[in-house]
Structures are given as C-alpha cells and as structure tokens.
Amino acid sequence: MKVTQKGQITIPKSFRDRYGLAHNTEVAFRAVQEGVLVYPVVSTRQQDFKRSLKRVRGIADQKIRTDDIMRMTRSDAARSDAARSDAE
C-alpha cells in the first residue's frame, strides 16, 4: 500500500468493516511506538448518549416486557392525540 501524492491511503475493506469505519466516518490519528494509530472519532453527542445509558443501565425495578412497554407508550400517545384533537 502506498500513500498518494495528496497523502491519502486506502484502508482495506476488512479493516473498515472490523473497526466500523463506514463512509464519512471521522477518524483521528495518534502516534504510537509501532507507528500511527487510526481510530474513529466518537462525537460528543454519541459520548453523552453512551454515558446516559451507562448511568441508567440496570436500574429498572420492575420486570416488564418490551411488548408491554410499547403497548403502554402507544396508548399514552393515542390519549395525548385525542386530547389535542378535543382542544382544537
């Protein structure tokens, strides 16, 4: 593999797939003892979301199935929609 005149390289598909380097993924570079490390940059928004999930993970105090949650959510949304329609 060679670096082009513009300083570009082609990352082999197997590496892109393995490390989640999809089209338009922002990457960063870090100098390491062995050479250069290329890694995907996680956006602040993604980091905040991941932190939020870690904070609430495992705190549910009731065992409830996903289907039940979806049913409750949908019925709440239907009631809200009906209330808005009545107000208009």
PDB file of N, CA and C in Angstrom:
ATOM      1  N   MET A   1       0.849  -1.166   0.000  1.00  0.00           N
ATOM      2  CA  MET A   1       0.000   0.000   0.000  1.00  0.00           C
ATOM      3  C   MET A   1       0.899   1.234   0.000  1.00  0.00           C
ATOM      4  N   LYS A   2       0.508   2.240  -0.763  1.00  0.00           N
ATOM      5  CA  LYS A   2       1.291   3.470  -0.857  1.00  0.00           C
ATOM      6  C   LYS A   2       0.444   4.667  -0.474  1.00  0.00           C
ATOM      7  N   VAL A   3       1.103   5.689   0.004  1.00  0.00           N
ATOM      8  CA  VAL A   3       0.458   6.959   0.280  1.00  0.00           C
ATOM      9  C   VAL A   3       0.437   7.736  -1.032  1.00  0.00           C
ATOM     10  N   THR A   4      -0.724   8.299  -1.388  1.00  0.00           N
ATOM     11  CA  THR A   4      -0.826   9.051  -2.645  1.00  0.00           C
ATOM     12  C   THR A   4      -0.143  10.406  -2.510  1.00  0.00           C
ATOM     13  N   GLN A   5      -0.053  11.122  -3.608  1.00  0.00           N
ATOM     14  CA  GLN A   5       0.559  12.451  -3.637  1.00  0.00           C
ATOM     15  C   GLN A   5      -0.182  13.409  -2.691  1.00  0.00           C
ATOM     16  N   LYS A   6      -1.482  13.177  -2.529  1.00  0.00           N
ATOM     17  CA  LYS A   6      -2.295  14.021  -1.640  1.00  0.00           C
ATOM     18  C   LYS A   6      -2.267  13.534  -0.191  1.00  0.00           C
ATOM     19  N   GLY A   7      -1.491  12.491   0.098  1.00  0.00           N
ATOM     20  CA  GLY A   7      -1.389  11.977   1.466  1.00  0.00           C
ATOM     21  C   GLY A   7      -2.497  11.007   1.827  1.00  0.00           C
ATOM     22  N   GLN A   8      -3.185  10.460   0.844  1.00  0.00           N
ATOM     23  CA  GLN A   8      -4.292   9.553   1.099  1.00  0.00           C
ATOM     24  C   GLN A   8      -3.832   8.100   1.053  1.00  0.00           C
ATOM     25  N   ILE A   9      -4.555   7.262   1.796  1.00  0.00           N
ATOM     26  CA  ILE A   9      -4.338   5.816   1.742  1.00  0.00           C
ATOM     27  C   ILE A   9      -5.706   5.149   1.626  1.00  0.00           C
ATOM     28  N   THR A  10      -5.716   3.918   1.183  1.00  0.00           N
ATOM     29  CA  THR A  10      -6.951   3.141   1.151  1.00  0.00           C
ATOM     30  C   THR A  10      -6.893   2.141   2.285  1.00  0.00           C
ATOM     31  N   ILE A  11      -7.879   2.232   3.169  1.00  0.00           N
ATOM     32  CA  ILE A  11      -7.956   1.279   4.274  1.00  0.00           C
ATOM     33  C   ILE A  11      -8.670   0.042   3.741  1.00  0.00           C
ATOM     34  N   PRO A  12      -8.058  -1.124   3.844  1.00  0.00           N
ATOM     35  CA  PRO A  12      -8.684  -2.343   3.327  1.00  0.00           C
ATOM     36  C   PRO A  12     -10.088  -2.552   3.910  1.00  0.00           C
ATOM     37  N   LYS A  13     -10.997  -3.049   3.096  1.00  0.00           N
ATOM     38  CA  LYS A  13     -12.395  -3.253   3.494  1.00  0.00           C
ATOM     39  C   LYS A  13     -12.505  -4.093   4.751  1.00  0.00           C
ATOM     40  N   SER A  14     -11.682  -5.121   4.881  1.00  0.00           N
ATOM     41  CA  SER A  14     -11.766  -5.976   6.074  1.00  0.00           C
ATOM     42  C   SER A  14     -11.515  -5.169   7.351  1.00  0.00           C
ATOM     43  N   PHE A  15     -10.597  -4.200   7.299  1.00  0.00           N
ATOM     44  CA  PHE A  15     -10.332  -3.341   8.455  1.00  0.00           C
ATOM     45  C   PHE A  15     -11.476  -2.359   8.670  1.00  0.00           C
ATOM     46  N   ARG A  16     -11.990  -1.773   7.580  1.00  0.00           N
ATOM     47  CA  ARG A  16     -13.116  -0.835   7.698  1.00  0.00           C
ATOM     48  C   ARG A  16     -14.314  -1.519   8.338  1.00  0.00           C
ATOM     49  N   ASP A  17     -14.609  -2.739   7.891  1.00  0.00           N
ATOM     50  CA  ASP A  17     -15.734  -3.490   8.450  1.00  0.00           C
ATOM     51  C   ASP A  17     -15.489  -3.844   9.918  1.00  0.00           C
ATOM     52  N   ARG A  18     -14.316  -4.328  10.196  1.00  0.00           N
ATOM     53  CA  ARG A  18     -13.993  -4.783  11.549  1.00  0.00           C
ATOM     54  C   ARG A  18     -14.023  -3.656  12.580  1.00  0.00           C
ATOM     55  N   TYR A  19     -13.588  -2.460  12.165  1.00  0.00           N
ATOM     56  CA  TYR A  19     -13.460  -1.351  13.107  1.00  0.00           C
ATOM     57  C   TYR A  19     -14.514  -0.263  12.916  1.00  0.00           C
ATOM     58  N   GLY A  20     -15.545  -0.547  12.127  1.00  0.00           N
ATOM     59  CA  GLY A  20     -16.659   0.389  11.985  1.00  0.00           C
ATOM     60  C   GLY A  20     -16.320   1.678  11.278  1.00  0.00           C
ATOM     61  N   LEU A  21     -15.431   1.610  10.303  1.00  0.00           N
ATOM     62  CA  LEU A  21     -15.038   2.808   9.567  1.00  0.00           C
ATOM     63  C   LEU A  21     -15.861   2.910   8.285  1.00  0.00           C
ATOM     64  N   ALA A  22     -17.098   3.348   8.428  1.00  0.00           N
ATOM     65  CA  ALA A  22     -18.006   3.481   7.286  1.00  0.00           C
ATOM     66  C   ALA A  22     -17.697   4.769   6.529  1.00  0.00           C
ATOM     67  N   HIS A  23     -18.328   4.915   5.376  1.00  0.00           N
ATOM     68  CA  HIS A  23     -18.187   6.123   4.560  1.00  0.00           C
ATOM     69  C   HIS A  23     -18.470   7.363   5.413  1.00  0.00           C
ATOM     70  N   ASN A  24     -17.636   8.362   5.311  1.00  0.00           N
ATOM     71  CA  ASN A  24     -17.748   9.641   6.034  1.00  0.00           C
ATOM     72  C   ASN A  24     -17.508   9.532   7.539  1.00  0.00           C
ATOM     73  N   THR A  25     -16.956   8.418   8.014  1.00  0.00           N
ATOM     74  CA  THR A  25     -16.599   8.314   9.428  1.00  0.00           C
ATOM     75  C   THR A  25     -15.409   9.234   9.683  1.00  0.00           C
ATOM     76  N   GLU A  26     -15.523  10.054  10.710  1.00  0.00           N
ATOM     77  CA  GLU A  26     -14.407  10.924  11.067  1.00  0.00           C
ATOM     78  C   GLU A  26     -13.382  10.089  11.826  1.00  0.00           C
ATOM     79  N   VAL A  27     -12.117  10.235  11.476  1.00  0.00           N
ATOM     80  CA  VAL A  27     -11.064   9.473  12.143  1.00  0.00           C
ATOM     81  C   VAL A  27     -10.035  10.423  12.734  1.00  0.00           C
ATOM     82  N   ALA A  28      -9.289   9.916  13.690  1.00  0.00           N
ATOM     83  CA  ALA A  28      -8.194  10.656  14.296  1.00  0.00           C
ATOM     84  C   ALA A  28      -6.943   9.798  14.220  1.00  0.00           C
ATOM     85  N   PHE A  29      -5.809  10.431  14.377  1.00  0.00           N
ATOM     86  CA  PHE A  29      -4.528   9.752  14.302  1.00  0.00           C
ATOM     87  C   PHE A  29      -3.776   9.967  15.610  1.00  0.00           C
ATOM     88  N   ARG A  30      -3.065   8.942  16.037  1.00  0.00           N
ATOM     89  CA  ARG A  30      -2.241   9.045  17.237  1.00  0.00           C
ATOM     90  C   ARG A  30      -0.917   8.349  16.970  1.00  0.00           C
ATOM     91  N   ALA A  31       0.170   9.003  17.339  1.00  0.00           N
ATOM     92  CA  ALA A  31       1.488   8.393  17.216  1.00  0.00           C
ATOM     93  C   ALA A  31       1.655   7.382  18.349  1.00  0.00           C
ATOM     94  N   VAL A  32       2.013   6.151  17.989  1.00  0.00           N
ATOM     95  CA  VAL A  32       2.288   5.106  18.964  1.00  0.00           C
ATOM     96  C   VAL A  32       3.675   4.549  18.659  1.00  0.00           C
ATOM     97  N   GLN A  33       4.192   3.767  19.560  1.00  0.00           N
ATOM     98  CA  GLN A  33       5.546   3.239  19.404  1.00  0.00           C
ATOM     99  C   GLN A  33       5.719   2.491  18.077  1.00  0.00           C
ATOM    100  N   GLU A  34       4.684   1.761  17.662  1.00  0.00           N
ATOM    101  CA  GLU A  34       4.770   0.944  16.446  1.00  0.00           C
ATOM    102  C   GLU A  34       4.560   1.741  15.167  1.00  0.00           C
ATOM    103  N   GLY A  35       4.050   2.967  15.265  1.00  0.00           N
ATOM    104  CA  GLY A  35       3.776   3.766  14.068  1.00  0.00           C
ATOM    105  C   GLY A  35       2.630   4.722  14.298  1.00  0.00           C
ATOM    106  N   VAL A  36       1.580   4.607  13.480  1.00  0.00           N
ATOM    107  CA  VAL A  36       0.431   5.509  13.566  1.00  0.00           C
ATOM    108  C   VAL A  36      -0.830   4.688  13.828  1.00  0.00           C
ATOM    109  N   LEU A  37      -1.614   5.139  14.789  1.00  0.00           N
ATOM    110  CA  LEU A  37      -2.887   4.507  15.095  1.00  0.00           C
ATOM    111  C   LEU A  37      -3.992   5.370  14.492  1.00  0.00           C
ATOM    112  N   VAL A  38      -4.873   4.762  13.718  1.00  0.00           N
ATOM    113  CA  VAL A  38      -6.030   5.447  13.142  1.00  0.00           C
ATOM    114  C   VAL A  38      -7.257   4.895  13.844  1.00  0.00           C
ATOM    115  N   TYR A  39      -8.127   5.784  14.350  1.00  0.00           N
ATOM    116  CA  TYR A  39      -9.308   5.320  15.068  1.00  0.00           C
ATOM    117  C   TYR A  39     -10.485   6.257  14.819  1.00  0.00           C
ATOM    118  N   PRO A  40     -11.713   5.697  14.890  1.00  0.00           N
ATOM    119  CA  PRO A  40     -12.897   6.533  14.656  1.00  0.00           C
ATOM    120  C   PRO A  40     -13.110   7.503  15.812  1.00  0.00           C
ATOM    121  N   VAL A  41     -13.539   8.706  15.478  1.00  0.00           N
ATOM    122  CA  VAL A  41     -13.839   9.716  16.480  1.00  0.00           C
ATOM    123  C   VAL A  41     -15.303   9.569  16.863  1.00  0.00           C
ATOM    124  N   VAL A  42     -15.554   9.470  18.154  1.00  0.00           N
ATOM    125  CA  VAL A  42     -16.925   9.384  18.643  1.00  0.00           C
ATOM    126  C   VAL A  42     -17.377  10.807  18.950  1.00  0.00           C
ATOM    127  N   SER A  43     -18.502  11.220  18.365  1.00  0.00           N
ATOM    128  CA  SER A  43     -18.983  12.587  18.558  1.00  0.00           C
ATOM    129  C   SER A  43     -19.384  12.813  20.010  1.00  0.00           C
ATOM    130  N   THR A  44     -19.412  14.072  20.408  1.00  0.00           N
ATOM    131  CA  THR A  44     -19.813  14.435  21.763  1.00  0.00           C
ATOM    132  C   THR A  44     -21.227  13.953  22.029  1.00  0.00           C
ATOM    133  N   ARG A  45     -22.086  14.062  21.030  1.00  0.00           N
ATOM    134  CA  ARG A  45     -23.473  13.618  21.190  1.00  0.00           C
ATOM    135  C   ARG A  45     -23.532  12.114  21.466  1.00  0.00           C
ATOM    136  N   GLN A  46     -22.724  11.345  20.720  1.00  0.00           N
ATOM    137  CA  GLN A  46     -22.675   9.900  20.949  1.00  0.00           C
ATOM    138  C   GLN A  46     -22.129   9.594  22.335  1.00  0.00           C
ATOM    139  N   GLN A  47     -21.084  10.311  22.739  1.00  0.00           N
ATOM    140  CA  GLN A  47     -20.496  10.087  24.057  1.00  0.00           C
ATOM    141  C   GLN A  47     -21.509  10.389  25.158  1.00  0.00           C
ATOM    142  N   ASP A  48     -22.251  11.485  25.020  1.00  0.00           N
ATOM    143  CA  ASP A  48     -23.266  11.839  26.011  1.00  0.00           C
ATOM    144  C   ASP A  48     -24.338  10.759  26.099  1.00  0.00           C
ATOM    145  N   PHE A  49     -24.765  10.267  24.940  1.00  0.00           N
ATOM    146  CA  PHE A  49     -25.785   9.217  24.913  1.00  0.00           C
ATOM    147  C   PHE A  49     -25.277   7.953  25.596  1.00  0.00           C
ATOM    148  N   LYS A  50     -24.045   7.556  25.287  1.00  0.00           N
ATOM    149  CA  LYS A  50     -23.479   6.352  25.904  1.00  0.00           C
ATOM    150  C   LYS A  50     -23.352   6.515  27.414  1.00  0.00           C
ATOM    151  N   ARG A  51     -22.935   7.710  27.872  1.00  0.00           N
ATOM    152  CA  ARG A  51     -22.840   7.970  29.305  1.00  0.00           C
ATOM    153  C   ARG A  51     -24.213   7.868  29.971  1.00  0.00           C
ATOM    154  N   SER A  52     -25.229   8.418  29.310  1.00  0.00           N
ATOM    155  CA  SER A  52     -26.586   8.355  29.854  1.00  0.00           C
ATOM    156  C   SER A  52     -27.055   6.913  29.994  1.00  0.00           C
ATOM    157  N   LEU A  53     -26.786   6.114  28.970  1.00  0.00           N
ATOM    158  CA  LEU A  53     -27.186   4.704  29.033  1.00  0.00           C
ATOM    159  C   LEU A  53     -26.472   3.980  30.161  1.00  0.00           C
ATOM    160  N   LYS A  54     -25.189   4.249  30.333  1.00  0.00           N
ATOM    161  CA  LYS A  54     -24.441   3.595  31.414  1.00  0.00           C
ATOM    162  C   LYS A  54     -25.013   3.969  32.774  1.00  0.00           C
ATOM    163  N   ARG A  55     -25.419   5.243  32.916  1.00  0.00           N
ATOM    164  CA  ARG A  55     -25.948   5.713  34.188  1.00  0.00           C
ATOM    165  C   ARG A  55     -27.248   5.008  34.573  1.00  0.00           C
ATOM    166  N   VAL A  56     -28.100   4.720  33.600  1.00  0.00           N
ATOM    167  CA  VAL A  56     -29.408   4.136  33.919  1.00  0.00           C
ATOM    168  C   VAL A  56     -29.467   2.629  33.738  1.00  0.00           C
ATOM    169  N   ARG A  57     -28.417   2.047  33.224  1.00  0.00           N
ATOM    170  CA  ARG A  57     -28.425   0.618  32.968  1.00  0.00           C
ATOM    171  C   ARG A  57     -28.617  -0.173  34.263  1.00  0.00           C
ATOM    172  N   GLY A  58     -29.584  -1.078  34.220  1.00  0.00           N
ATOM    173  CA  GLY A  58     -29.813  -1.973  35.345  1.00  0.00           C
ATOM    174  C   GLY A  58     -30.600  -1.400  36.499  1.00  0.00           C
ATOM    175  N   ILE A  59     -31.188  -0.190  36.334  1.00  0.00           N
ATOM    176  CA  ILE A  59     -31.902   0.393  37.474  1.00  0.00           C
ATOM    177  C   ILE A  59     -33.400   0.130  37.450  1.00  0.00           C
ATOM    178  N   ALA A  60     -33.888  -0.529  36.420  1.00  0.00           N
ATOM    179  CA  ALA A  60     -35.322  -0.826  36.359  1.00  0.00           C
ATOM    180  C   ALA A  60     -35.697  -1.693  37.556  1.00  0.00           C
ATOM    181  N   ASP A  61     -36.776  -1.298  38.233  1.00  0.00           N
ATOM    182  CA  ASP A  61     -37.151  -2.048  39.428  1.00  0.00           C
ATOM    183  C   ASP A  61     -38.326  -2.996  39.188  1.00  0.00           C
ATOM    184  N   GLN A  62     -38.816  -3.040  37.961  1.00  0.00           N
ATOM    185  CA  GLN A  62     -39.900  -3.957  37.641  1.00  0.00           C
ATOM    186  C   GLN A  62     -39.540  -4.729  36.391  1.00  0.00           C
ATOM    187  N   LYS A  63     -39.917  -5.971  36.394  1.00  0.00           N
ATOM    188  CA  LYS A  63     -39.697  -6.773  35.192  1.00  0.00           C
ATOM    189  C   LYS A  63     -40.878  -6.533  34.276  1.00  0.00           C
ATOM    190  N   ILE A  64     -40.589  -5.973  33.104  1.00  0.00           N
ATOM    191  CA  ILE A  64     -41.650  -5.665  32.166  1.00  0.00           C
ATOM    192  C   ILE A  64     -41.148  -5.980  30.763  1.00  0.00           C
ATOM    193  N   ARG A  65     -42.008  -6.544  29.968  1.00  0.00           N
ATOM    194  CA  ARG A  65     -41.606  -6.946  28.621  1.00  0.00           C
ATOM    195  C   ARG A  65     -41.658  -5.754  27.666  1.00  0.00           C
ATOM    196  N   THR A  66     -40.847  -5.811  26.632  1.00  0.00           N
ATOM    197  CA  THR A  66     -40.812  -4.751  25.638  1.00  0.00           C
ATOM    198  C   THR A  66     -42.181  -4.545  24.999  1.00  0.00           C
ATOM    199  N   ASP A  67     -42.875  -5.631  24.703  1.00  0.00           N
ATOM    200  CA  ASP A  67     -44.216  -5.519  24.118  1.00  0.00           C
ATOM    201  C   ASP A  67     -45.156  -4.720  25.029  1.00  0.00           C
ATOM    202  N   ASP A  68     -45.057  -4.938  26.331  1.00  0.00           N
ATOM    203  CA  ASP A  68     -45.902  -4.210  27.275  1.00  0.00           C
ATOM    204  C   ASP A  68     -45.553  -2.712  27.290  1.00  0.00           C
ATOM    205  N   ILE A  69     -44.268  -2.413  27.242  1.00  0.00           N
ATOM    206  CA  ILE A  69     -43.829  -1.011  27.207  1.00  0.00           C
ATOM    207  C   ILE A  69     -44.354  -0.331  25.952  1.00  0.00           C
ATOM    208  N   MET A  70     -44.235  -1.013  24.814  1.00  0.00           N
ATOM    209  CA  MET A  70     -44.709  -0.444  23.551  1.00  0.00           C
ATOM    210  C   MET A  70     -46.225  -0.216  23.611  1.00  0.00           C
ATOM    211  N   ARG A  71     -46.954  -1.143  24.170  1.00  0.00           N
ATOM    212  CA  ARG A  71     -48.411  -1.012  24.277  1.00  0.00           C
ATOM    213  C   ARG A  71     -48.768   0.193  25.138  1.00  0.00           C
ATOM    214  N   MET A  72     -48.084   0.352  26.289  1.00  0.00           N
ATOM    215  CA  MET A  72     -48.351   1.492  27.171  1.00  0.00           C
ATOM    216  C   MET A  72     -47.994   2.807  26.495  1.00  0.00           C
ATOM    217  N   THR A  73     -46.870   2.841  25.821  1.00  0.00           N
ATOM    218  CA  THR A  73     -46.424   4.054  25.136  1.00  0.00           C
ATOM    219  C   THR A  73     -47.410   4.449  24.055  1.00  0.00           C
ATOM    220  N   ARG A  74     -47.826   3.495  23.289  1.00  0.00           N
ATOM    221  CA  ARG A  74     -48.767   3.784  22.206  1.00  0.00           C
ATOM    222  C   ARG A  74     -50.111   4.246  22.757  1.00  0.00           C
ATOM    223  N   SER A  75     -50.576   3.647  23.822  1.00  0.00           N
ATOM    224  CA  SER A  75     -51.873   4.067  24.366  1.00  0.00           C
ATOM    225  C   SER A  75     -51.763   5.470  24.961  1.00  0.00           C
ATOM    226  N   ASP A  76     -50.618   5.815  25.578  1.00  0.00           N
ATOM    227  CA  ASP A  76     -50.404   7.176  26.086  1.00  0.00           C
ATOM    228  C   ASP A  76     -50.402   8.173  24.939  1.00  0.00           C
ATOM    229  N   ALA A  77     -49.736   7.833  23.848  1.00  0.00           N
ATOM    230  CA  ALA A  77     -49.672   8.711  22.684  1.00  0.00           C
ATOM    231  C   ALA A  77     -51.058   8.892  22.081  1.00  0.00           C
ATOM    232  N   ALA A  78     -51.838   7.830  22.024  1.00  0.00           N
ATOM    233  CA  ALA A  78     -53.193   7.911  21.469  1.00  0.00           C
ATOM    234  C   ALA A  78     -54.059   8.816  22.335  1.00  0.00           C
ATOM    235  N   ARG A  79     -53.933   8.721  23.661  1.00  0.00           N
ATOM    236  CA  ARG A  79     -54.703   9.593  24.560  1.00  0.00           C
ATOM    237  C   ARG A  79     -54.295  11.048  24.381  1.00  0.00           C
ATOM    238  N   SER A  80     -52.984  11.307  24.228  1.00  0.00           N
ATOM    239  CA  SER A  80     -52.498  12.679  24.022  1.00  0.00           C
ATOM    240  C   SER A  80     -53.029  13.248  22.713  1.00  0.00           C
ATOM    241  N   ASP A  81     -53.013  12.437  21.663  1.00  0.00           N
ATOM    242  CA  ASP A  81     -53.531  12.881  20.373  1.00  0.00           C
ATOM    243  C   ASP A  81     -55.024  13.196  20.462  1.00  0.00           C
ATOM    244  N   ALA A  82     -55.764  12.358  21.164  1.00  0.00           N
ATOM    245  CA  ALA A  82     -57.203  12.574  21.319  1.00  0.00           C
ATOM    246  C   ALA A  82     -57.469  13.849  22.105  1.00  0.00           C
ATOM    247  N   ALA A  83     -56.693  14.095  23.140  1.00  0.00           N
ATOM    248  CA  ALA A  83     -56.870  15.300  23.957  1.00  0.00           C
ATOM    249  C   ALA A  83     -56.578  16.556  23.133  1.00  0.00           C
ATOM    250  N   ARG A  84     -55.560  16.497  22.296  1.00  0.00           N
ATOM    251  CA  ARG A  84     -55.235  17.636  21.427  1.00  0.00           C
ATOM    252  C   ARG A  84     -56.358  17.892  20.430  1.00  0.00           C
ATOM    253  N   SER A  85     -56.909  16.832  19.870  1.00  0.00           N
ATOM    254  CA  SER A  85     -57.997  16.964  18.910  1.00  0.00           C
ATOM    255  C   SER A  85     -59.230  17.582  19.563  1.00  0.00           C
ATOM    256  N   ASP A  86     -59.509  17.176  20.813  1.00  0.00           N
ATOM    257  CA  ASP A  86     -60.669  17.723  21.532  1.00  0.00           C
ATOM    258  C   ASP A  86     -60.477  19.204  21.837  1.00  0.00           C
ATOM    259  N   ALA A  87     -59.234  19.612  22.097  1.00  0.00           N
ATOM    260  CA  ALA A  87     -58.949  21.010  22.430  1.00  0.00           C
ATOM    261  C   ALA A  87     -59.066  21.916  21.212  1.00  0.00           C
ATOM    262  N   GLU A  88     -58.883  21.365  20.033  1.00  0.00           N
ATOM    263  CA  GLU A  88     -58.968  22.174  18.811  1.00  0.00           C
ATOM    264  C   GLU A  88     -60.375  22.317  18.435  1.00  0.00           C
TER     265      GLU A  88
END
